Protein backbone atom coordinates (compact mmCIF):
# COMPACT_ATOMS: atom_id res chain seq x y z
CA UNK A 1 38.79 212.91 35.80
CA UNK A 2 38.90 211.12 39.11
CA UNK A 3 37.93 213.93 41.50
CA UNK A 4 40.21 212.34 45.36
CA UNK A 5 37.50 214.49 47.73
CA UNK A 6 37.18 214.32 51.86
CA UNK A 7 32.71 213.87 53.32
CA UNK A 8 31.65 217.69 54.18
CA UNK A 9 35.16 219.19 53.37
CA UNK A 10 34.93 222.17 50.83
CA UNK A 11 36.51 219.54 48.10
CA UNK A 12 31.81 218.90 48.02
CA UNK A 13 31.61 221.90 45.71
CA UNK A 14 34.10 220.34 43.29
CA UNK A 15 31.61 216.99 43.77
CA UNK A 16 27.86 219.34 43.16
CA UNK A 17 30.08 221.40 40.23
CA UNK A 18 30.98 218.50 38.28
CA UNK A 19 27.79 216.65 38.79
CA UNK A 20 25.87 220.35 37.87
CA UNK A 21 27.98 219.89 34.66
CA UNK A 22 26.90 217.00 33.12
CA UNK A 23 30.82 215.80 33.11
CA UNK A 24 31.45 211.99 33.53
CA UNK A 25 33.61 211.79 36.48
CA UNK A 26 35.45 208.67 39.22
CA UNK A 27 35.25 210.06 42.28
CA UNK A 28 37.70 208.89 45.25
CA UNK A 29 37.58 209.56 49.58
CA UNK A 30 40.57 210.59 50.54
CA UNK A 31 40.49 209.76 55.22
CA UNK A 32 42.42 212.87 55.61
CA UNK A 33 44.01 211.63 59.02
CA UNK A 34 45.67 208.69 57.48
CA UNK A 35 46.14 210.21 53.82
CA UNK A 36 44.77 207.00 51.99
CA UNK A 37 42.00 206.80 49.62
CA UNK A 38 38.75 204.62 50.05
CA UNK A 39 41.07 201.93 47.32
CA UNK A 40 44.43 202.23 50.28
CA UNK A 41 46.54 204.43 48.20
CA UNK A 42 49.22 206.20 49.97
CA UNK A 43 46.77 209.76 48.80
CA UNK A 44 50.24 211.97 48.80
CA UNK A 45 51.77 209.96 45.85
CA UNK A 46 48.73 211.49 44.36
CA UNK A 47 49.83 215.10 45.30
CA UNK A 48 52.94 215.82 48.35
CA UNK A 49 50.09 218.88 49.76
CA UNK A 50 48.47 215.66 51.61
CA UNK A 51 44.98 217.53 51.22
CA UNK A 52 41.63 217.36 48.70
CA UNK A 53 40.84 218.38 46.22
CA UNK A 54 42.62 216.96 43.88
CA UNK A 55 41.53 216.86 39.83
CA UNK A 56 43.59 214.50 38.21
CA UNK A 57 41.96 214.50 34.24
CA UNK A 58 42.13 212.40 31.54
CA UNK A 59 45.27 213.36 29.75
CA UNK A 60 46.77 212.75 33.95
CA UNK A 61 47.34 216.20 34.38
CA UNK A 62 46.97 217.24 38.09
CA UNK A 63 45.08 220.11 39.67
CA UNK A 64 45.07 221.35 43.39
CA UNK A 65 43.62 223.58 45.38
CA UNK A 66 39.38 224.78 45.45
CA UNK A 67 39.95 227.77 43.53
CA UNK A 68 41.94 226.29 40.95
CA UNK A 69 39.85 223.13 39.94
CA UNK A 70 36.31 224.85 40.49
CA UNK A 71 37.78 228.20 37.73
CA UNK A 72 39.04 225.45 35.36
CA UNK A 73 35.13 223.54 35.60
CA UNK A 74 33.88 226.95 34.85
CA UNK A 75 36.16 226.84 32.15
CA UNK A 76 35.23 223.95 30.34
CA UNK A 77 31.49 224.86 31.86
CA UNK A 78 31.11 228.05 31.02
CA UNK A 79 27.02 228.14 32.39
CA UNK A 80 28.44 227.76 35.89
CA UNK A 81 30.27 231.25 35.82
CA UNK A 82 29.64 234.28 35.47
CA UNK A 83 28.25 236.17 32.38
CA UNK A 84 30.15 239.46 30.93
CA UNK A 85 33.61 240.68 30.16
CA UNK A 86 34.15 240.58 34.06
CA UNK A 87 32.06 237.47 34.35
CA UNK A 88 35.75 235.06 35.66
CA UNK A 89 36.95 238.02 38.02
CA UNK A 90 34.01 238.32 39.13
CA UNK A 91 33.71 234.61 40.36
CA UNK A 92 37.48 234.51 41.62
CA UNK A 93 36.50 237.72 43.60
CA UNK A 94 33.63 235.40 45.33
CA UNK A 95 36.13 231.93 45.52
CA UNK A 96 38.73 234.12 47.26
CA UNK A 97 36.53 235.71 49.90
CA UNK A 98 35.08 232.73 50.44
CA UNK A 99 38.38 231.23 50.80
CA UNK A 100 40.82 233.09 52.56
CA UNK A 101 38.15 235.13 55.14
CA UNK A 102 34.84 232.48 55.10
CA UNK A 103 36.37 229.05 54.60
CA UNK A 104 39.36 229.84 57.30
CA UNK A 105 37.65 231.75 60.08
CA UNK A 106 36.17 228.15 60.66
CA UNK A 107 39.80 226.67 61.33
CA UNK A 108 39.04 226.84 65.21
CA UNK A 109 35.08 224.99 64.62
CA UNK A 110 37.60 222.44 62.95
CA UNK A 111 40.74 222.48 64.80
CA UNK A 112 39.54 222.03 68.55
CA UNK A 113 40.08 225.20 69.14
CA UNK A 114 39.31 226.83 72.65
CA UNK A 115 35.97 227.89 73.83
CA UNK A 116 36.85 231.43 73.60
CA UNK A 117 38.57 231.21 69.51
CA UNK A 118 35.22 228.56 68.31
CA UNK A 119 33.41 232.36 70.05
CA UNK A 120 35.27 234.32 68.42
CA UNK A 121 34.78 232.54 64.52
CA UNK A 122 30.96 232.54 65.30
CA UNK A 123 31.08 236.04 65.54
CA UNK A 124 33.30 236.85 63.00
CA UNK A 125 31.27 233.44 61.17
CA UNK A 126 27.84 235.60 61.45
CA UNK A 127 29.40 239.02 60.35
CA UNK A 128 31.13 237.82 56.98
CA UNK A 129 27.70 235.76 55.76
CA UNK A 130 26.18 238.96 57.29
CA UNK A 131 28.71 240.98 54.09
CA UNK A 132 27.86 238.08 51.83
CA UNK A 133 24.03 238.40 51.38
CA UNK A 134 24.46 241.50 50.28
CA UNK A 135 25.71 239.84 47.34
CA UNK A 136 23.26 238.38 45.82
CA UNK A 137 21.84 239.39 42.30
CA UNK A 138 18.41 237.03 42.51
CA UNK A 139 18.22 233.21 43.73
CA UNK A 140 22.24 233.29 43.75
CA UNK A 141 25.13 234.98 43.67
CA UNK A 142 25.44 236.05 40.12
CA UNK A 143 22.17 236.07 38.99
CA UNK A 144 19.12 233.53 38.10
CA UNK A 145 21.66 229.90 37.68
CA UNK A 146 24.27 228.76 40.22
CA UNK A 147 28.22 229.32 39.72
CA UNK A 148 30.79 227.14 40.63
CA UNK A 149 31.38 230.30 43.37
CA UNK A 150 27.46 229.19 45.11
CA UNK A 151 28.73 226.10 45.54
CA UNK A 152 31.64 226.79 47.56
CA UNK A 153 29.73 229.51 49.71
CA UNK A 154 27.47 226.01 50.38
CA UNK A 155 29.55 223.96 51.70
CA UNK A 156 29.74 227.21 53.85
CA UNK A 157 26.51 227.12 54.94
CA UNK A 158 26.48 223.52 55.65
CA UNK A 159 29.04 224.08 58.53
CA UNK A 160 27.54 227.16 59.44
CA UNK A 161 24.60 224.69 60.15
CA UNK A 162 27.18 221.79 61.47
CA UNK A 163 28.47 224.10 64.15
CA UNK A 164 24.79 225.82 64.70
CA UNK A 165 25.79 229.79 63.59
CA UNK A 166 22.88 232.17 62.53
CA UNK A 167 22.05 233.11 58.60
CA UNK A 168 20.83 235.75 58.07
CA UNK A 169 17.63 234.88 55.78
CA UNK A 170 18.72 235.31 51.94
CA UNK A 171 21.66 232.51 52.95
CA UNK A 172 19.21 230.78 54.37
CA UNK A 173 17.26 230.41 51.70
CA UNK A 174 20.16 230.16 49.47
CA UNK A 175 20.89 226.81 51.92
CA UNK A 176 17.79 225.85 51.62
CA UNK A 177 17.43 226.29 47.15
CA UNK A 178 20.53 224.59 46.98
CA UNK A 179 20.85 221.98 49.23
CA UNK A 180 16.74 220.75 47.29
CA UNK A 181 19.23 220.56 43.29
CA UNK A 182 19.44 217.09 41.69
CA UNK A 183 23.51 217.83 41.64
CA UNK A 184 23.60 218.75 44.84
CA UNK A 185 21.69 215.92 46.29
CA UNK A 186 23.47 213.51 44.35
CA UNK A 187 26.89 214.68 45.79
CA UNK A 188 25.64 214.25 49.33
CA UNK A 189 24.43 211.52 48.70
CA UNK A 190 27.36 210.08 47.28
CA UNK A 191 28.95 211.65 50.01
CA UNK A 192 27.03 209.95 52.35
CA UNK A 193 25.71 213.55 53.89
CA UNK A 194 22.13 212.16 53.34
CA UNK A 195 20.32 210.57 55.97
CA UNK A 196 18.30 207.34 54.74
CA UNK A 197 15.09 209.09 54.81
CA UNK A 198 16.38 212.17 52.61
CA UNK A 199 18.14 210.38 50.50
């Protein structure tokens, strides 16, 4: 299978999850401005949506949308899901919140919003992080090991660092804990996100 990604985009969550799972996969970067892949293919030929992530399965099926891909990965690799009869539902609940609330709230930061829009976004994001900080059930969202929801949240925590948004202590600790995981370091190294001294 092949993951189409853009460095530091939400597709980083899928990249980390696949490494965490020990999956065998190829990866190809996508320039979201030119809509070209690293090999020069028009990304619209892969998916008419034109944005990442996209996961091409070995049977030729294509999955798009971050929540869908992360849910598929957790289904294939149950260790990346949450336990219990409501485990999948709880992970989807967390993924949806990260996507529709946190991810969306960063839009002015990435897309040249006004100073006022950015200030408002920072306040909104800080409040959302305060809420999420209360969800941790141990080292991670659902206990002692990370799920695909932690990987998506981690990307938001990296964005917070990029844009100078302070984190509640539990989420700062989560970001540091996640950043030390081999799967995270591997994915970040592949995406050129680690300084030479850290790689």
